[in-house]
Amino acid sequence: MSSSTLPPWADIVAHIKFFGPDGTPATINGEPTDGFGEFKDADVKKQIVDALADLYENSPSARGVLDEISAAQELWFFATTGGSGAFTSKGIVGFNIDQTTRTQFMGSNGKIQSDVLQDAVIHEVIHAIYGWDDLIDPTTLQSYDVPGAPPIDFNNPNFDHIGATQRLATS
């Protein structure tokens, strides 16, 4: 798409739904919603939408992912009490906003980093829209988890211990 044909943020956000405030359908994008948690706090919905808006305005990579929402399907979020995750390629994200305040990881600079809401949200959205696994070779976009895949070279700078999903999430 050329930049003149990209949908504006208002079109994107109109396709972002939250289980509970925006309804409780029995299925979403073909998946049954039994066990989906409802978002009951309007502030959590606002924080997630604001994080996505910030990414849309400031990250060309995130904008490319989010532009897929209005073109292909709605993006649904449901609340989880455990970890966050996504139904790959289904446009469905289970999200626990509290997880972002508790998660830390080793950064590429060798220092402990704290998770950031924008990173956590777009990471799961990438799974939900593109269907990418976490362990995917950024050079070939092939999963390391498929039978017959070559052994993972953890010292390969292209793998970088985070794979393509995280690279796109933080680019």
N, C-alpha and C. Protein backbone atom coordinates (compact mmCIF):
# COMPACT_ATOMS: atom_id res chain seq x y z
N MET A 1 0.84 -1.18 0.00
CA MET A 1 0.00 0.00 0.00
C MET A 1 0.88 1.24 0.00
N SER A 2 0.51 2.22 -0.73
CA SER A 2 1.23 3.48 -0.66
C SER A 2 0.74 4.24 0.56
N SER A 3 1.55 5.20 1.01
CA SER A 3 1.17 5.92 2.22
C SER A 3 -0.13 6.69 2.04
N SER A 4 -0.49 7.02 0.80
CA SER A 4 -1.74 7.76 0.58
C SER A 4 -2.97 6.85 0.69
N THR A 5 -2.77 5.52 0.62
CA THR A 5 -3.92 4.62 0.72
C THR A 5 -3.99 3.90 2.07
N LEU A 6 -3.07 4.20 2.98
CA LEU A 6 -3.11 3.58 4.29
C LEU A 6 -4.30 4.10 5.08
N PRO A 7 -4.93 3.24 5.84
CA PRO A 7 -6.08 3.70 6.63
C PRO A 7 -5.62 4.60 7.77
N PRO A 8 -6.41 5.62 8.10
CA PRO A 8 -6.05 6.46 9.24
C PRO A 8 -6.27 5.70 10.55
N TRP A 9 -5.69 6.22 11.63
CA TRP A 9 -5.79 5.57 12.94
C TRP A 9 -7.24 5.34 13.33
N ALA A 10 -8.14 6.26 13.03
CA ALA A 10 -9.56 6.08 13.40
C ALA A 10 -10.13 4.81 12.78
N ASP A 11 -9.73 4.48 11.56
CA ASP A 11 -10.21 3.25 10.93
C ASP A 11 -9.62 2.02 11.61
N ILE A 12 -8.38 2.12 12.03
CA ILE A 12 -7.72 1.00 12.72
C ILE A 12 -8.40 0.76 14.07
N VAL A 13 -8.50 1.81 14.87
CA VAL A 13 -9.02 1.66 16.23
C VAL A 13 -10.48 1.20 16.22
N ALA A 14 -11.20 1.50 15.17
CA ALA A 14 -12.59 1.03 15.06
C ALA A 14 -12.67 -0.49 14.94
N HIS A 15 -11.56 -1.12 14.54
CA HIS A 15 -11.50 -2.57 14.38
C HIS A 15 -10.85 -3.27 15.58
N ILE A 16 -10.50 -2.51 16.62
CA ILE A 16 -9.90 -3.09 17.83
C ILE A 16 -11.00 -3.22 18.87
N LYS A 17 -11.23 -4.45 19.32
CA LYS A 17 -12.33 -4.74 20.23
C LYS A 17 -11.80 -5.39 21.51
N PHE A 18 -12.55 -5.19 22.58
CA PHE A 18 -12.21 -5.76 23.88
C PHE A 18 -13.36 -6.60 24.38
N PHE A 19 -13.05 -7.85 24.72
CA PHE A 19 -14.06 -8.79 25.20
C PHE A 19 -14.62 -8.25 26.51
N GLY A 20 -15.90 -8.04 26.54
CA GLY A 20 -16.59 -7.44 27.68
C GLY A 20 -17.17 -6.10 27.26
N PRO A 21 -16.36 -5.04 27.23
CA PRO A 21 -16.90 -3.72 26.87
C PRO A 21 -17.47 -3.66 25.45
N ASP A 22 -16.89 -4.43 24.53
CA ASP A 22 -17.35 -4.40 23.13
C ASP A 22 -18.19 -5.63 22.78
N GLY A 23 -18.64 -6.35 23.78
CA GLY A 23 -19.48 -7.52 23.56
C GLY A 23 -18.80 -8.79 24.03
N THR A 24 -19.59 -9.84 24.10
CA THR A 24 -19.09 -11.16 24.51
C THR A 24 -19.61 -12.22 23.54
N PRO A 25 -19.19 -12.13 22.28
CA PRO A 25 -19.68 -13.11 21.31
C PRO A 25 -19.23 -14.53 21.66
N ALA A 26 -20.00 -15.51 21.22
CA ALA A 26 -19.68 -16.92 21.49
C ALA A 26 -18.45 -17.38 20.72
N THR A 27 -18.20 -16.76 19.57
CA THR A 27 -16.99 -17.04 18.79
C THR A 27 -16.42 -15.72 18.29
N ILE A 28 -15.11 -15.71 18.13
CA ILE A 28 -14.42 -14.56 17.54
C ILE A 28 -13.50 -15.11 16.46
N ASN A 29 -13.67 -14.62 15.26
CA ASN A 29 -12.84 -15.06 14.13
C ASN A 29 -12.73 -16.58 14.07
N GLY A 30 -13.86 -17.25 14.36
CA GLY A 30 -13.94 -18.70 14.27
C GLY A 30 -13.51 -19.45 15.52
N GLU A 31 -13.04 -18.77 16.54
CA GLU A 31 -12.59 -19.43 17.77
C GLU A 31 -13.64 -19.28 18.86
N PRO A 32 -13.99 -20.38 19.57
CA PRO A 32 -14.93 -20.27 20.69
C PRO A 32 -14.32 -19.43 21.81
N THR A 33 -15.16 -18.66 22.49
CA THR A 33 -14.66 -17.75 23.52
C THR A 33 -14.88 -18.27 24.94
N ASP A 34 -15.19 -19.55 25.07
CA ASP A 34 -15.33 -20.13 26.41
C ASP A 34 -14.04 -19.88 27.19
N GLY A 35 -14.16 -19.33 28.36
CA GLY A 35 -13.00 -19.08 29.20
C GLY A 35 -12.31 -17.75 28.96
N PHE A 36 -12.76 -16.97 27.99
CA PHE A 36 -12.17 -15.65 27.77
C PHE A 36 -12.54 -14.75 28.94
N GLY A 37 -11.57 -14.02 29.48
CA GLY A 37 -11.83 -13.07 30.55
C GLY A 37 -12.29 -11.74 29.98
N GLU A 38 -13.20 -11.11 30.69
CA GLU A 38 -13.70 -9.80 30.27
C GLU A 38 -12.83 -8.69 30.84
N PHE A 39 -12.61 -7.65 30.03
CA PHE A 39 -11.97 -6.44 30.53
C PHE A 39 -13.03 -5.64 31.27
N LYS A 40 -12.86 -5.46 32.56
CA LYS A 40 -13.86 -4.76 33.36
C LYS A 40 -13.41 -3.34 33.72
N ASP A 41 -12.13 -3.04 33.53
CA ASP A 41 -11.58 -1.75 33.88
C ASP A 41 -11.36 -0.93 32.60
N ALA A 42 -12.13 0.15 32.46
CA ALA A 42 -12.02 0.98 31.25
C ALA A 42 -10.62 1.56 31.10
N ASP A 43 -9.91 1.77 32.20
CA ASP A 43 -8.57 2.32 32.14
C ASP A 43 -7.60 1.36 31.45
N VAL A 44 -7.79 0.06 31.65
CA VAL A 44 -6.91 -0.93 31.00
C VAL A 44 -7.11 -0.87 29.49
N LYS A 45 -8.35 -0.81 29.05
CA LYS A 45 -8.63 -0.69 27.61
C LYS A 45 -7.97 0.58 27.07
N LYS A 46 -8.10 1.69 27.78
CA LYS A 46 -7.51 2.95 27.34
C LYS A 46 -5.99 2.84 27.25
N GLN A 47 -5.37 2.20 28.25
CA GLN A 47 -3.91 2.05 28.23
C GLN A 47 -3.45 1.25 27.02
N ILE A 48 -4.15 0.18 26.70
CA ILE A 48 -3.77 -0.65 25.55
C ILE A 48 -3.97 0.11 24.25
N VAL A 49 -5.12 0.77 24.10
CA VAL A 49 -5.37 1.56 22.88
C VAL A 49 -4.36 2.69 22.76
N ASP A 50 -4.05 3.37 23.87
CA ASP A 50 -3.06 4.44 23.83
C ASP A 50 -1.68 3.91 23.44
N ALA A 51 -1.32 2.73 23.95
CA ALA A 51 -0.03 2.12 23.59
C ALA A 51 0.01 1.83 22.09
N LEU A 52 -1.08 1.29 21.55
CA LEU A 52 -1.13 1.00 20.12
C LEU A 52 -1.11 2.29 19.30
N ALA A 53 -1.79 3.33 19.76
CA ALA A 53 -1.79 4.62 19.05
C ALA A 53 -0.38 5.20 19.03
N ASP A 54 0.33 5.11 20.15
CA ASP A 54 1.70 5.60 20.22
C ASP A 54 2.59 4.85 19.22
N LEU A 55 2.43 3.55 19.18
CA LEU A 55 3.19 2.74 18.22
C LEU A 55 2.83 3.10 16.78
N TYR A 56 1.55 3.28 16.52
CA TYR A 56 1.08 3.60 15.17
C TYR A 56 1.70 4.91 14.68
N GLU A 57 1.79 5.87 15.58
CA GLU A 57 2.33 7.18 15.20
C GLU A 57 3.85 7.22 15.12
N ASN A 58 4.53 6.34 15.86
CA ASN A 58 5.97 6.47 16.00
C ASN A 58 6.81 5.32 15.46
N SER A 59 6.18 4.24 15.05
CA SER A 59 6.94 3.09 14.56
C SER A 59 6.40 2.64 13.20
N PRO A 60 7.17 2.85 12.14
CA PRO A 60 6.71 2.37 10.83
C PRO A 60 6.45 0.86 10.82
N SER A 61 7.25 0.10 11.55
CA SER A 61 7.05 -1.35 11.60
C SER A 61 5.72 -1.69 12.26
N ALA A 62 5.46 -1.07 13.41
CA ALA A 62 4.19 -1.31 14.10
C ALA A 62 3.02 -0.83 13.27
N ARG A 63 3.18 0.29 12.60
CA ARG A 63 2.11 0.80 11.73
C ARG A 63 1.78 -0.23 10.65
N GLY A 64 2.80 -0.85 10.07
CA GLY A 64 2.56 -1.87 9.05
C GLY A 64 1.75 -3.03 9.59
N VAL A 65 2.04 -3.45 10.82
CA VAL A 65 1.28 -4.54 11.44
C VAL A 65 -0.15 -4.09 11.69
N LEU A 66 -0.31 -2.93 12.29
CA LEU A 66 -1.64 -2.44 12.66
C LEU A 66 -2.50 -2.12 11.43
N ASP A 67 -1.88 -1.73 10.33
CA ASP A 67 -2.64 -1.49 9.10
C ASP A 67 -3.32 -2.75 8.60
N GLU A 68 -2.79 -3.91 8.96
CA GLU A 68 -3.40 -5.18 8.57
C GLU A 68 -4.76 -5.40 9.24
N ILE A 69 -4.97 -4.77 10.39
CA ILE A 69 -6.20 -5.00 11.15
C ILE A 69 -7.42 -4.56 10.36
N SER A 70 -7.41 -3.34 9.86
CA SER A 70 -8.60 -2.86 9.17
C SER A 70 -8.78 -3.55 7.82
N ALA A 71 -7.67 -3.98 7.24
CA ALA A 71 -7.77 -4.61 5.93
C ALA A 71 -8.30 -6.04 6.04
N ALA A 72 -7.91 -6.76 7.09
CA ALA A 72 -8.20 -8.19 7.14
C ALA A 72 -9.31 -8.58 8.11
N GLN A 73 -9.30 -8.02 9.29
CA GLN A 73 -10.20 -8.52 10.33
C GLN A 73 -10.18 -7.59 11.52
N GLU A 74 -11.03 -7.88 12.47
CA GLU A 74 -10.98 -7.18 13.74
C GLU A 74 -9.88 -7.80 14.60
N LEU A 75 -9.37 -7.00 15.50
CA LEU A 75 -8.41 -7.48 16.49
C LEU A 75 -9.12 -7.45 17.84
N TRP A 76 -9.22 -8.60 18.47
CA TRP A 76 -9.91 -8.73 19.76
C TRP A 76 -8.90 -8.99 20.87
N PHE A 77 -9.10 -8.31 21.99
CA PHE A 77 -8.33 -8.55 23.21
C PHE A 77 -9.26 -9.14 24.26
N PHE A 78 -8.78 -10.15 24.98
CA PHE A 78 -9.50 -10.64 26.14
C PHE A 78 -8.54 -10.65 27.32
N ALA A 79 -9.08 -10.53 28.52
CA ALA A 79 -8.26 -10.45 29.73
C ALA A 79 -7.80 -11.83 30.17
N THR A 80 -6.56 -11.91 30.62
CA THR A 80 -6.04 -13.14 31.21
C THR A 80 -5.49 -12.82 32.60
N THR A 81 -5.45 -13.83 33.43
CA THR A 81 -4.85 -13.66 34.75
C THR A 81 -3.45 -14.25 34.79
N GLY A 82 -3.11 -15.06 33.80
CA GLY A 82 -1.77 -15.62 33.68
C GLY A 82 -0.97 -14.77 32.71
N GLY A 83 -0.19 -15.44 31.90
CA GLY A 83 0.61 -14.74 30.91
C GLY A 83 -0.21 -14.30 29.71
N SER A 84 0.36 -13.40 28.95
CA SER A 84 -0.28 -12.95 27.72
C SER A 84 0.04 -13.93 26.60
N GLY A 85 -0.77 -13.92 25.57
CA GLY A 85 -0.57 -14.81 24.43
C GLY A 85 -1.53 -14.46 23.32
N ALA A 86 -1.44 -15.18 22.23
CA ALA A 86 -2.30 -14.88 21.08
C ALA A 86 -2.71 -16.16 20.37
N PHE A 87 -3.85 -16.10 19.72
CA PHE A 87 -4.26 -17.13 18.78
C PHE A 87 -3.61 -16.73 17.46
N THR A 88 -2.60 -17.48 17.03
CA THR A 88 -1.84 -17.07 15.86
C THR A 88 -2.70 -16.99 14.62
N SER A 89 -2.55 -15.89 13.93
CA SER A 89 -3.26 -15.59 12.67
C SER A 89 -4.77 -15.48 12.83
N LYS A 90 -5.27 -15.36 14.05
CA LYS A 90 -6.71 -15.29 14.28
C LYS A 90 -7.17 -13.90 14.71
N GLY A 91 -6.25 -12.97 14.95
CA GLY A 91 -6.64 -11.64 15.39
C GLY A 91 -7.17 -11.62 16.80
N ILE A 92 -6.68 -12.52 17.66
CA ILE A 92 -7.14 -12.61 19.04
C ILE A 92 -5.93 -12.60 19.98
N VAL A 93 -5.97 -11.68 20.96
CA VAL A 93 -4.88 -11.54 21.92
C VAL A 93 -5.44 -11.69 23.33
N GLY A 94 -4.86 -12.59 24.10
CA GLY A 94 -5.13 -12.66 25.54
C GLY A 94 -4.07 -11.83 26.23
N PHE A 95 -4.49 -10.86 27.05
CA PHE A 95 -3.51 -9.92 27.59
C PHE A 95 -3.72 -9.68 29.07
N ASN A 96 -2.61 -9.69 29.80
CA ASN A 96 -2.60 -9.37 31.23
C ASN A 96 -1.71 -8.16 31.41
N ILE A 97 -2.32 -7.00 31.58
CA ILE A 97 -1.54 -5.76 31.68
C ILE A 97 -0.62 -5.76 32.89
N ASP A 98 -0.99 -6.48 33.95
CA ASP A 98 -0.14 -6.54 35.13
C ASP A 98 1.17 -7.26 34.84
N GLN A 99 1.18 -8.13 33.84
CA GLN A 99 2.39 -8.86 33.49
C GLN A 99 3.50 -7.90 33.08
N THR A 100 3.15 -6.80 32.44
CA THR A 100 4.19 -5.87 31.96
C THR A 100 4.91 -5.19 33.12
N THR A 101 4.28 -5.09 34.27
CA THR A 101 4.95 -4.48 35.42
C THR A 101 5.83 -5.48 36.16
N ARG A 102 5.66 -6.77 35.88
CA ARG A 102 6.41 -7.81 36.59
C ARG A 102 7.49 -8.46 35.74
N THR A 103 7.46 -8.28 34.44
CA THR A 103 8.35 -9.02 33.55
C THR A 103 9.67 -8.28 33.36
N GLN A 104 10.76 -9.02 33.54
CA GLN A 104 12.08 -8.51 33.25
C GLN A 104 12.81 -9.53 32.39
N PHE A 105 13.78 -9.06 31.63
CA PHE A 105 14.54 -9.94 30.75
C PHE A 105 15.93 -9.37 30.57
N MET A 106 16.83 -10.22 30.09
CA MET A 106 18.19 -9.79 29.80
C MET A 106 18.21 -9.12 28.44
N GLY A 107 18.64 -7.88 28.39
CA GLY A 107 18.72 -7.15 27.14
C GLY A 107 19.96 -7.52 26.36
N SER A 108 20.01 -7.09 25.11
CA SER A 108 21.17 -7.40 24.27
C SER A 108 22.42 -6.68 24.77
N ASN A 109 22.24 -5.69 25.66
CA ASN A 109 23.38 -5.00 26.25
C ASN A 109 23.89 -5.70 27.52
N GLY A 110 23.27 -6.86 27.86
CA GLY A 110 23.69 -7.61 29.03
C GLY A 110 23.12 -7.11 30.33
N LYS A 111 22.19 -6.17 30.28
CA LYS A 111 21.59 -5.62 31.49
C LYS A 111 20.13 -6.05 31.59
N ILE A 112 19.65 -6.13 32.83
CA ILE A 112 18.25 -6.49 33.06
C ILE A 112 17.37 -5.34 32.58
N GLN A 113 16.36 -5.69 31.80
CA GLN A 113 15.41 -4.71 31.26
C GLN A 113 14.03 -5.01 31.82
N SER A 114 13.21 -3.99 31.96
CA SER A 114 11.81 -4.18 32.34
C SER A 114 10.95 -4.13 31.09
N ASP A 115 9.90 -4.94 31.09
CA ASP A 115 8.98 -4.95 29.95
C ASP A 115 8.29 -3.60 29.84
N VAL A 116 7.92 -3.23 28.65
CA VAL A 116 7.23 -1.98 28.36
C VAL A 116 5.90 -2.35 27.72
N LEU A 117 4.84 -1.65 28.09
CA LEU A 117 3.51 -1.99 27.60
C LEU A 117 3.46 -2.05 26.08
N GLN A 118 4.02 -1.05 25.40
CA GLN A 118 3.98 -1.04 23.94
C GLN A 118 4.62 -2.29 23.36
N ASP A 119 5.77 -2.68 23.89
CA ASP A 119 6.46 -3.87 23.39
C ASP A 119 5.64 -5.13 23.61
N ALA A 120 5.07 -5.26 24.81
CA ALA A 120 4.29 -6.45 25.13
C ALA A 120 3.05 -6.56 24.25
N VAL A 121 2.37 -5.43 24.03
CA VAL A 121 1.15 -5.45 23.22
C VAL A 121 1.47 -5.77 21.77
N ILE A 122 2.43 -5.07 21.18
CA ILE A 122 2.69 -5.28 19.75
C ILE A 122 3.27 -6.68 19.52
N HIS A 123 4.02 -7.21 20.48
CA HIS A 123 4.54 -8.57 20.36
C HIS A 123 3.40 -9.56 20.17
N GLU A 124 2.37 -9.46 21.01
CA GLU A 124 1.23 -10.38 20.91
C GLU A 124 0.40 -10.09 19.66
N VAL A 125 0.29 -8.83 19.27
CA VAL A 125 -0.45 -8.48 18.06
C VAL A 125 0.23 -9.09 16.83
N ILE A 126 1.55 -9.09 16.81
CA ILE A 126 2.27 -9.71 15.69
C ILE A 126 1.91 -11.19 15.58
N HIS A 127 1.87 -11.89 16.71
CA HIS A 127 1.43 -13.29 16.69
C HIS A 127 0.01 -13.39 16.14
N ALA A 128 -0.87 -12.53 16.63
CA ALA A 128 -2.29 -12.61 16.27
C ALA A 128 -2.54 -12.28 14.81
N ILE A 129 -1.76 -11.38 14.24
CA ILE A 129 -1.97 -10.96 12.85
C ILE A 129 -1.14 -11.81 11.88
N TYR A 130 0.16 -11.92 12.13
CA TYR A 130 1.04 -12.62 11.19
C TYR A 130 1.16 -14.11 11.46
N GLY A 131 0.87 -14.55 12.68
CA GLY A 131 0.97 -15.96 13.00
C GLY A 131 2.39 -16.44 13.25
N TRP A 132 3.32 -15.53 13.44
CA TRP A 132 4.71 -15.92 13.66
C TRP A 132 4.89 -16.53 15.04
N ASP A 133 5.75 -17.55 15.12
CA ASP A 133 6.17 -18.11 16.40
C ASP A 133 7.20 -17.18 17.03
N ASP A 134 7.48 -17.41 18.31
CA ASP A 134 8.59 -16.67 18.94
C ASP A 134 9.91 -17.12 18.36
N LEU A 135 10.07 -18.43 18.20
CA LEU A 135 11.34 -18.96 17.70
C LEU A 135 11.25 -19.09 16.19
N ILE A 136 11.58 -18.00 15.53
CA ILE A 136 11.54 -17.96 14.07
C ILE A 136 12.82 -17.28 13.58
N ASP A 137 13.40 -17.84 12.56
CA ASP A 137 14.63 -17.29 12.02
C ASP A 137 14.32 -15.98 11.30
N PRO A 138 14.90 -14.86 11.74
CA PRO A 138 14.58 -13.59 11.11
C PRO A 138 15.05 -13.48 9.66
N THR A 139 15.99 -14.34 9.25
CA THR A 139 16.47 -14.26 7.87
C THR A 139 15.60 -15.04 6.90
N THR A 140 14.97 -16.13 7.39
CA THR A 140 14.15 -16.97 6.50
C THR A 140 12.66 -16.93 6.83
N LEU A 141 12.32 -16.41 8.03
CA LEU A 141 10.95 -16.40 8.56
C LEU A 141 10.39 -17.82 8.69
N GLN A 142 11.28 -18.80 8.84
CA GLN A 142 10.87 -20.18 9.07
C GLN A 142 11.00 -20.50 10.56
N SER A 143 10.03 -21.24 11.08
CA SER A 143 10.04 -21.60 12.48
C SER A 143 11.16 -22.58 12.77
N TYR A 144 11.79 -22.41 13.91
CA TYR A 144 12.79 -23.37 14.36
C TYR A 144 12.13 -24.62 14.93
N ASP A 145 10.83 -24.58 15.14
CA ASP A 145 10.12 -25.67 15.79
C ASP A 145 9.50 -26.67 14.81
N VAL A 146 9.83 -26.60 13.54
CA VAL A 146 9.24 -27.52 12.57
C VAL A 146 10.16 -28.72 12.38
N PRO A 147 9.57 -29.90 12.15
CA PRO A 147 10.40 -31.09 11.91
C PRO A 147 11.32 -30.87 10.71
N GLY A 148 12.54 -31.28 10.86
CA GLY A 148 13.49 -31.15 9.77
C GLY A 148 14.19 -29.80 9.71
N ALA A 149 13.82 -28.88 10.61
CA ALA A 149 14.49 -27.58 10.62
C ALA A 149 15.93 -27.77 11.07
N PRO A 150 16.82 -26.94 10.58
CA PRO A 150 18.22 -27.09 11.01
C PRO A 150 18.35 -26.79 12.50
N PRO A 151 19.40 -27.30 13.12
CA PRO A 151 19.62 -27.00 14.54
C PRO A 151 19.73 -25.48 14.74
N ILE A 152 19.26 -25.02 15.87
CA ILE A 152 19.32 -23.58 16.16
C ILE A 152 20.76 -23.22 16.51
N ASP A 153 21.29 -22.22 15.82
CA ASP A 153 22.61 -21.70 16.13
C ASP A 153 22.41 -20.48 17.02
N PHE A 154 22.47 -20.70 18.33
CA PHE A 154 22.21 -19.61 19.26
C PHE A 154 23.28 -18.52 19.21
N ASN A 155 24.40 -18.79 18.55
CA ASN A 155 25.44 -17.78 18.42
C ASN A 155 25.32 -17.00 17.12
N ASN A 156 24.36 -17.35 16.29
CA ASN A 156 24.14 -16.65 15.04
C ASN A 156 23.52 -15.28 15.34
N PRO A 157 24.16 -14.20 14.90
CA PRO A 157 23.59 -12.87 15.20
C PRO A 157 22.22 -12.66 14.58
N ASN A 158 21.89 -13.41 13.54
CA ASN A 158 20.56 -13.28 12.96
C ASN A 158 19.49 -13.86 13.86
N PHE A 159 19.84 -14.86 14.68
CA PHE A 159 18.87 -15.40 15.63
C PHE A 159 18.74 -14.45 16.82
N ASP A 160 19.85 -14.00 17.36
CA ASP A 160 19.87 -12.99 18.42
C ASP A 160 19.01 -13.36 19.61
N HIS A 161 18.72 -14.64 19.79
CA HIS A 161 17.99 -15.15 20.95
C HIS A 161 16.56 -14.63 21.05
N ILE A 162 16.10 -13.85 20.09
CA ILE A 162 14.74 -13.32 20.20
C ILE A 162 13.88 -13.59 18.98
N GLY A 163 14.49 -13.83 17.84
CA GLY A 163 13.72 -14.16 16.65
C GLY A 163 13.02 -12.97 16.01
N ALA A 164 12.36 -13.26 14.90
CA ALA A 164 11.76 -12.21 14.07
C ALA A 164 10.59 -11.50 14.74
N THR A 165 9.78 -12.22 15.52
CA THR A 165 8.63 -11.59 16.17
C THR A 165 9.09 -10.45 17.06
N GLN A 166 10.09 -10.71 17.89
CA GLN A 166 10.55 -9.67 18.80
C GLN A 166 11.31 -8.59 18.05
N ARG A 167 12.04 -8.96 17.01
CA ARG A 167 12.73 -7.92 16.24
C ARG A 167 11.74 -6.95 15.62
N LEU A 168 10.64 -7.47 15.06
CA LEU A 168 9.64 -6.58 14.48
C LEU A 168 8.96 -5.77 15.58
N ALA A 169 8.72 -6.38 16.72
CA ALA A 169 8.05 -5.68 17.82
C ALA A 169 8.87 -4.51 18.33
N THR A 170 10.18 -4.61 18.25
CA THR A 170 11.02 -3.55 18.80
C THR A 170 11.68 -2.70 17.73
N SER A 171 11.26 -2.85 16.49
CA SER A 171 11.88 -2.04 15.43
C SER A 171 11.11 -0.76 15.20
